[in-house]
Amino acid sequence: MKILVTGASGFIGSFLCEEGLRQGHEVWAGVRRSSSRRYLQDARLKFAELDFSSPDALAGQLTVHQQEHAGWDVVIHCAGVTKCPREEDFERNNHLYTRHLVEGLMQAGVTPRQFVYLSSLSVFGPIREEVAHPDFPQGSPCLYAPITEHDTPRPNTAYGRSKLRAEQYLQSLGDRLPTVIFRPTGVYGPRERDYFLMAKSIKGHTDFSVGYRRQEITFIYVKDLVSAIYRAVEKGTTGRAYFVSDGGIYESRTFSDLIQRELGNPWVLRIKSPLWLLKLISYVAGWGASLVGKTCTLNKDKYQIMKQRNWQCDTAPLEKELGWTPQYDLERGVRETIAWYKQEKWL
C-alpha cells in the first residue's frame, strides 16, 4: 500500500515509517521543509513536504501530489504538539491543522480509504478516580477503574481539549472520511525526550514525584503502539477508537525504579512534592515561558497530568477486534530504551 505518515520526523512518526517499510509498503514521510531527517535515512523512503499552516498552500501541494503520484491508500496523521506556550497553539497545531489536512485531501481528490488519527488518553481527563464501594462511605476514594470508550471525555488540559476537538471533527465526517482513532497512554522508547528527562535526573541522583494519594499509571512502548496501528491498517479498520497500553498497571515509582536498575542502581534522592507546591511552580514557570514565547517542562498542562491519579484504560476492544497483543512489558521496554540512550550517548 501507499502510506503517508505525517509528523514523520518525530518520535512516533519515525518508527511508523520504519515499520511501514519493513512490511513492504511504499511509505511517504510527511515533513516540513525545516524538519530534521535524522531518523529518516532509509533510501526507500519518499518525502512529501506539507505546509499545514496554509490551507491554500497545502491544497496545492496535495493537488500536485495527486497529479504526479495519485495519492495514498492510507494516511497516518501523527503530526501534532504536546508542549506549547499558549492554549491557542495547541488548538492550531492539533485541531485546525488536522482540519486543514483533511480538507486539503478532499479538495485535491486524494481522500484515502483509511485515515488513522493518533490521539491521546488525555482526551478523557481525570475520571474514574473515585468509585462507590459498599465498604466505604459514598464518594470515598477506594478503587480506580479503567477508562472505557463509553465514558464521557472531560479533558482538563489544553492538549487534551485540542485532541478531543480534532477527534470530534473527524467523527463528524462519517463515511466521507473512513477513520480509525488511537488513544495511547504514556508512550516511551528510544528517541523519546520527555521520559528521557527522568532518566537523566535519576542518573544525576534525583527522582522527583508529586502527590501523596495513590497513583496508578500505564505505559505503551513505541514499537507496540506502532504494531497496533499497522494491525488496523492491515485489517482496514474504520469507524472505531481504541485505547492503547501494555495492559499493566503500575505504581508511580515503578518506572523510576526500573530506570535506576538499568543505570546500575545509582544512589537516588527521592523528593516528593505536595500538589500545591507543584501547582505554584508550574503556573509561574508556564506564565514566564509564555511571556517570551517558549515552552517549559513545568506548566499548567504538566501539572494537571502529574496531578491525575488514574491512568488505567480498557484495551480489550483493541485486543479482541484487531487480534493485537503487546510484546513489551514495562521492564523489557525500559531495558531497551535505556540501552539505546546509552548507545547514542544521551546518557
Protein backbone atom coordinates (compact mmCIF):
# COMPACT_ATOMS: atom_id res chain seq x y z
CA MET A 1 0.00 0.00 0.00
CA LYS A 2 0.97 3.65 -0.40
CA ILE A 3 1.06 5.20 3.07
CA LEU A 4 1.60 8.81 4.14
CA VAL A 5 2.90 9.34 7.68
CA THR A 6 2.60 12.95 8.85
CA GLY A 7 4.89 14.08 11.65
CA ALA A 8 7.39 11.58 10.27
CA SER A 9 10.42 13.32 11.72
CA GLY A 10 9.09 12.94 15.27
CA PHE A 11 9.49 10.21 17.85
CA ILE A 12 6.47 8.05 16.96
CA GLY A 13 6.36 9.10 13.30
CA SER A 14 9.87 7.85 12.58
CA PHE A 15 9.01 4.40 13.99
CA LEU A 16 5.82 4.35 11.89
CA CYS A 17 7.92 4.96 8.77
CA GLU A 18 10.39 2.22 9.66
CA GLU A 19 7.68 -0.37 10.31
CA GLY A 20 5.82 0.51 7.12
CA LEU A 21 8.99 -0.06 5.10
CA ARG A 22 9.68 -3.30 6.98
CA GLN A 23 6.24 -4.55 5.94
CA GLY A 24 6.91 -3.71 2.31
CA HIS A 25 4.68 -0.65 1.92
CA GLU A 26 5.51 2.43 -0.13
CA VAL A 27 5.99 4.94 2.69
CA TRP A 28 5.87 8.68 2.26
CA ALA A 29 7.27 10.78 5.11
CA GLY A 30 5.19 13.91 5.57
CA VAL A 31 7.55 16.64 6.78
CA ARG A 32 8.06 20.37 6.85
CA ARG A 33 10.93 21.82 4.85
CA SER A 34 12.69 22.61 8.15
CA SER A 35 12.11 19.16 9.71
CA SER A 36 15.05 17.07 10.84
CA ARG A 37 15.56 13.90 8.82
CA ARG A 38 17.94 12.30 11.30
CA TYR A 39 15.78 9.19 11.72
CA LEU A 40 14.52 9.16 8.12
CA GLN A 41 17.65 7.92 6.35
CA ASP A 42 16.28 4.79 4.64
CA ALA A 43 16.75 5.20 0.89
CA ARG A 44 13.33 3.61 0.24
CA LEU A 45 11.52 6.49 1.93
CA LYS A 46 9.76 9.06 -0.21
CA PHE A 47 9.13 12.59 1.08
CA ALA A 48 6.16 14.92 0.90
CA GLU A 49 6.72 18.48 2.12
CA LEU A 50 3.42 19.68 3.57
CA ASP A 51 2.51 23.11 4.96
CA PHE A 52 -0.38 22.61 7.40
CA SER A 53 -0.39 26.29 8.37
CA SER A 54 -1.75 27.42 4.99
CA PRO A 55 -4.89 25.66 3.71
CA ASP A 56 -4.35 27.03 0.19
CA ALA A 57 -0.68 26.07 0.04
CA LEU A 58 -1.46 22.63 1.44
CA ALA A 59 -4.25 22.03 -1.06
CA GLY A 60 -1.84 23.00 -3.84
CA GLN A 61 0.84 20.61 -2.58
CA LEU A 62 -1.68 17.77 -2.35
CA THR A 63 -3.05 18.54 -5.82
CA VAL A 64 0.44 18.31 -7.29
CA HIS A 65 0.96 15.02 -5.49
CA GLN A 66 -2.32 13.70 -6.89
CA GLN A 67 -1.27 14.64 -10.41
CA GLU A 68 2.22 13.14 -10.11
CA HIS A 69 1.75 10.19 -7.76
CA ALA A 70 -2.03 9.50 -7.49
CA GLY A 71 -2.37 9.99 -3.74
CA TRP A 72 -2.21 7.47 -0.90
CA ASP A 73 -4.21 4.46 0.22
CA VAL A 74 -3.69 5.27 3.90
CA VAL A 75 -2.86 8.46 5.78
CA ILE A 76 -1.48 8.08 9.32
CA HIS A 77 -1.80 11.52 10.89
CA CYS A 78 0.84 11.63 13.61
CA ALA A 79 1.75 15.31 13.36
CA GLY A 80 0.94 17.42 16.40
CA VAL A 81 2.39 19.03 19.50
CA THR A 82 2.45 18.05 23.19
CA LYS A 83 4.01 21.25 24.57
CA CYS A 84 3.12 24.84 23.65
CA PRO A 85 3.46 28.24 25.36
CA ARG A 86 -0.22 29.11 24.82
CA GLU A 87 -3.52 27.20 24.58
CA GLU A 88 -4.25 28.62 21.14
CA ASP A 89 -1.04 26.97 19.91
CA PHE A 90 -2.44 23.54 20.85
CA GLU A 91 -5.72 24.41 19.12
CA ARG A 92 -3.95 25.45 15.96
CA ASN A 93 -1.45 22.59 15.72
CA ASN A 94 -3.60 19.68 16.89
CA HIS A 95 -7.10 20.66 15.76
CA LEU A 96 -7.01 23.24 12.98
CA TYR A 97 -4.06 21.68 11.17
CA THR A 98 -5.91 18.35 11.20
CA ARG A 99 -8.87 20.07 9.56
CA HIS A 100 -6.56 21.70 7.01
CA LEU A 101 -5.09 18.32 6.10
CA VAL A 102 -8.45 16.60 5.71
CA GLU A 103 -9.99 19.45 3.73
CA GLY A 104 -6.89 19.61 1.53
CA LEU A 105 -7.06 15.88 0.82
CA MET A 106 -10.71 16.15 -0.14
CA GLN A 107 -10.19 19.25 -2.27
CA ALA A 108 -7.29 17.65 -4.12
CA GLY A 109 -9.25 14.44 -4.70
CA VAL A 110 -6.83 12.27 -2.72
CA THR A 111 -9.12 11.17 0.10
CA PRO A 112 -7.56 7.93 1.42
CA ARG A 113 -9.54 4.76 2.01
CA GLN A 114 -8.35 4.86 5.64
CA PHE A 115 -7.36 7.84 7.81
CA VAL A 116 -5.55 6.89 11.03
CA TYR A 117 -5.52 9.58 13.71
CA LEU A 118 -3.12 9.49 16.65
CA SER A 119 -4.97 10.99 19.59
CA SER A 120 -4.33 10.51 23.32
CA LEU A 121 -5.79 9.07 26.51
CA SER A 122 -5.66 12.68 27.75
CA VAL A 123 -8.88 13.43 25.86
CA PHE A 124 -10.75 11.81 28.78
CA GLY A 125 -9.06 13.64 31.64
CA PRO A 126 -9.15 12.61 35.32
CA ILE A 127 -12.18 10.29 35.54
CA ARG A 128 -12.97 7.06 37.40
CA GLU A 129 -10.77 8.17 40.29
CA GLU A 130 -13.48 7.70 42.91
CA VAL A 131 -15.69 4.61 42.87
CA ALA A 132 -18.55 3.92 45.25
CA HIS A 133 -17.96 0.73 47.24
CA PRO A 134 -20.24 -0.84 49.87
CA ASP A 135 -17.41 -0.90 52.43
CA PHE A 136 -16.65 2.82 52.09
CA PRO A 137 -18.72 5.99 52.61
CA GLN A 138 -20.27 7.39 49.45
CA GLY A 139 -17.69 9.32 47.44
CA SER A 140 -14.67 7.96 49.32
CA PRO A 141 -11.63 7.23 47.16
CA CYS A 142 -11.12 3.49 47.04
CA LEU A 143 -10.77 1.68 43.71
CA TYR A 144 -9.75 3.18 40.41
CA ALA A 145 -11.28 1.66 37.27
CA PRO A 146 -10.22 1.54 33.62
CA ILE A 147 -11.46 4.39 31.43
CA THR A 148 -13.70 2.97 28.71
CA GLU A 149 -14.88 4.15 25.30
CA HIS A 150 -18.35 4.70 26.80
CA ASP A 151 -17.14 7.30 29.30
CA THR A 152 -17.71 11.00 28.66
CA PRO A 153 -14.46 12.85 27.89
CA ARG A 154 -13.62 15.61 30.36
CA PRO A 155 -10.13 16.80 29.35
CA ASN A 156 -8.54 19.23 31.79
CA THR A 157 -5.51 20.16 29.68
CA ALA A 158 -5.17 22.37 26.62
CA TYR A 159 -3.52 19.42 24.89
CA GLY A 160 -6.40 17.07 25.70
CA ARG A 161 -9.04 19.59 24.62
CA SER A 162 -7.33 20.19 21.27
CA LYS A 163 -7.07 16.45 20.61
CA LEU A 164 -10.73 15.94 21.53
CA ARG A 165 -11.85 18.66 19.13
CA ALA A 166 -9.85 17.01 16.35
CA GLU A 167 -11.49 13.67 17.17
CA GLN A 168 -14.96 15.23 17.13
CA TYR A 169 -14.29 16.86 13.76
CA LEU A 170 -13.12 13.58 12.22
CA GLN A 171 -16.07 11.66 13.64
CA SER A 172 -18.48 14.28 12.28
CA LEU A 173 -17.37 13.44 8.73
CA GLY A 174 -18.74 9.90 8.94
CA ASP A 175 -18.28 7.88 5.75
CA ARG A 176 -16.79 10.87 3.92
CA LEU A 177 -13.50 10.04 5.66
CA PRO A 178 -13.12 6.44 6.91
CA THR A 179 -11.25 7.00 10.18
CA VAL A 180 -9.76 4.94 12.99
CA ILE A 181 -8.50 6.69 16.14
CA PHE A 182 -5.82 5.54 18.58
CA ARG A 183 -5.65 6.91 22.13
CA PRO A 184 -2.35 5.76 23.64
CA THR A 185 -1.39 6.28 27.24
CA GLY A 186 2.21 7.39 28.02
CA VAL A 187 4.41 6.43 25.05
CA TYR A 188 8.08 5.80 25.75
CA GLY A 189 11.04 4.30 23.93
CA PRO A 190 14.22 5.20 22.01
CA ARG A 191 14.31 8.80 20.66
CA GLU A 192 11.70 9.98 23.20
CA ARG A 193 12.76 13.08 25.13
CA ASP A 194 10.24 13.65 27.95
CA TYR A 195 10.78 10.36 29.79
CA PHE A 196 14.46 10.77 28.96
CA LEU A 197 14.49 13.73 31.35
CA MET A 198 13.52 11.34 34.15
CA ALA A 199 16.38 9.03 33.24
CA LYS A 200 18.76 11.97 33.14
CA SER A 201 17.55 13.14 36.55
CA ILE A 202 18.00 9.68 38.07
CA LYS A 203 21.49 9.46 36.64
CA GLY A 204 22.06 12.77 38.44
CA HIS A 205 20.85 11.09 41.68
CA THR A 206 17.44 12.80 41.93
CA ASP A 207 13.94 11.36 41.46
CA PHE A 208 11.02 13.78 41.65
CA SER A 209 7.39 12.76 42.24
CA VAL A 210 4.25 14.58 43.35
CA GLY A 211 1.15 13.97 45.42
CA TYR A 212 0.52 11.65 48.36
CA ARG A 213 -2.62 9.94 47.09
CA ARG A 214 -2.12 6.64 45.28
CA GLN A 215 -1.41 6.96 41.56
CA GLU A 216 -1.92 4.15 39.05
CA ILE A 217 -0.22 4.76 35.73
CA THR A 218 0.04 2.97 32.41
CA PHE A 219 2.51 2.90 29.54
CA ILE A 220 2.93 1.71 25.98
CA TYR A 221 6.26 1.02 24.30
CA VAL A 222 6.54 2.83 20.98
CA LYS A 223 7.05 -0.35 18.93
CA ASP A 224 3.88 -1.89 20.40
CA LEU A 225 1.87 1.24 19.58
CA VAL A 226 3.17 1.13 16.02
CA SER A 227 2.30 -2.56 15.70
CA ALA A 228 -1.28 -1.84 16.84
CA ILE A 229 -1.64 0.91 14.23
CA TYR A 230 -0.39 -1.34 11.43
CA ARG A 231 -2.72 -4.11 12.54
CA ALA A 232 -5.60 -1.69 11.93
CA VAL A 233 -4.08 -0.76 8.56
CA GLU A 234 -3.82 -4.44 7.64
CA LYS A 235 -7.46 -5.05 8.55
CA GLY A 236 -8.73 -1.79 7.03
CA THR A 237 -10.47 -0.91 10.31
CA THR A 238 -12.54 2.30 10.34
CA GLY A 239 -15.24 3.83 12.50
CA ARG A 240 -13.50 2.84 15.76
CA ALA A 241 -11.43 4.44 18.50
CA TYR A 242 -9.05 2.39 20.64
CA PHE A 243 -7.12 2.88 23.87
CA VAL A 244 -3.57 1.54 23.77
CA SER A 245 -1.47 0.40 26.73
CA ASP A 246 0.69 -2.62 27.53
CA GLY A 247 -2.04 -3.92 29.86
CA GLY A 248 -0.03 -3.35 33.03
CA ILE A 249 -1.00 -1.05 35.89
CA TYR A 250 1.99 0.42 37.67
CA GLU A 251 2.71 2.36 40.83
CA SER A 252 4.19 5.78 40.29
CA ARG A 253 7.67 4.64 41.36
CA THR A 254 7.87 1.56 39.17
CA PHE A 255 9.17 3.37 36.09
CA SER A 256 11.89 5.23 38.00
CA ASP A 257 12.91 2.06 39.86
CA LEU A 258 13.41 0.24 36.56
CA ILE A 259 15.44 3.14 35.17
CA GLN A 260 17.56 3.16 38.31
CA ARG A 261 18.25 -0.55 37.92
CA GLU A 262 19.21 -0.24 34.24
CA LEU A 263 21.59 2.58 35.14
CA GLY A 264 23.38 0.31 37.59
CA ASN A 265 21.43 1.27 40.73
CA PRO A 266 22.93 4.72 41.40
CA TRP A 267 22.02 6.22 44.75
CA VAL A 268 18.95 8.42 44.37
CA LEU A 269 17.50 11.20 46.50
CA ARG A 270 13.73 10.83 46.22
CA ILE A 271 11.80 14.09 46.50
CA LYS A 272 8.01 14.03 46.80
CA SER A 273 6.32 17.40 46.33
CA PRO A 274 2.83 18.28 47.58
CA LEU A 275 0.45 19.16 44.78
CA TRP A 276 0.01 22.76 45.95
CA LEU A 277 3.74 23.41 45.57
CA LEU A 278 3.87 21.77 42.13
CA LYS A 279 0.88 23.87 41.06
CA LEU A 280 2.55 27.08 42.17
CA ILE A 281 5.84 26.25 40.44
CA SER A 282 4.11 25.04 37.26
CA TYR A 283 1.86 28.06 36.88
CA VAL A 284 4.69 30.52 37.48
CA ALA A 285 7.05 28.68 35.12
CA GLY A 286 4.39 28.38 32.43
CA TRP A 287 3.46 32.06 32.74
CA GLY A 288 7.08 33.11 32.45
CA ALA A 289 7.67 30.93 29.42
CA SER A 290 4.54 32.22 27.66
CA LEU A 291 5.78 35.81 28.03
CA VAL A 292 8.82 35.01 25.90
CA GLY A 293 7.01 32.59 23.58
CA LYS A 294 8.86 29.48 24.75
CA THR A 295 7.85 26.11 26.17
CA CYS A 296 8.99 24.72 29.50
CA THR A 297 8.85 21.33 31.18
CA LEU A 298 6.60 22.53 34.01
CA ASN A 299 3.39 24.35 33.06
CA LYS A 300 -0.36 24.21 33.73
CA ASP A 301 -0.85 21.22 31.45
CA LYS A 302 2.01 19.30 33.02
CA TYR A 303 0.60 20.00 36.47
CA GLN A 304 -2.78 18.55 35.51
CA ILE A 305 -1.10 15.46 34.00
CA MET A 306 1.04 14.84 37.08
CA LYS A 307 -1.94 15.50 39.35
CA GLN A 308 -4.11 12.87 37.64
CA ARG A 309 -4.22 9.69 39.71
CA ASN A 310 -5.92 7.18 37.41
CA TRP A 311 -4.40 6.35 34.02
CA GLN A 312 -5.99 2.94 33.54
CA CYS A 313 -7.74 2.30 30.23
CA ASP A 314 -9.70 -0.54 28.67
CA THR A 315 -7.71 -2.16 25.86
CA ALA A 316 -10.00 -5.19 25.48
CA PRO A 317 -11.70 -3.87 22.29
CA LEU A 318 -8.31 -3.35 20.64
CA GLU A 319 -7.10 -6.81 21.57
CA LYS A 320 -10.35 -8.54 20.59
CA GLU A 321 -11.18 -6.70 17.36
CA LEU A 322 -7.66 -6.41 15.95
CA GLY A 323 -6.17 -9.54 17.48
CA TRP A 324 -3.35 -7.43 18.90
CA THR A 325 -1.27 -8.17 21.98
CA PRO A 326 1.66 -6.11 23.29
CA GLN A 327 5.11 -7.65 23.10
CA TYR A 328 6.78 -5.37 25.64
CA ASP A 329 6.04 -5.15 29.34
CA LEU A 330 7.50 -2.15 31.16
CA GLU A 331 10.62 -3.97 32.30
CA ARG A 332 11.60 -5.06 28.79
CA GLY A 333 10.73 -1.68 27.30
CA VAL A 334 12.76 0.30 29.82
CA ARG A 335 15.72 -2.03 29.36
CA GLU A 336 15.73 -1.47 25.59
CA THR A 337 15.15 2.27 25.95
CA ILE A 338 17.98 2.88 28.42
CA ALA A 339 20.31 0.75 26.30
CA TRP A 340 19.54 3.00 23.33
CA TYR A 341 20.11 6.18 25.37
CA LYS A 342 23.50 4.81 26.40
CA GLN A 343 24.40 3.71 22.87
CA GLU A 344 23.54 7.14 21.45
CA LYS A 345 25.46 8.88 24.26
CA TRP A 346 22.33 10.57 25.61
CA LEU A 347 23.25 9.12 28.99
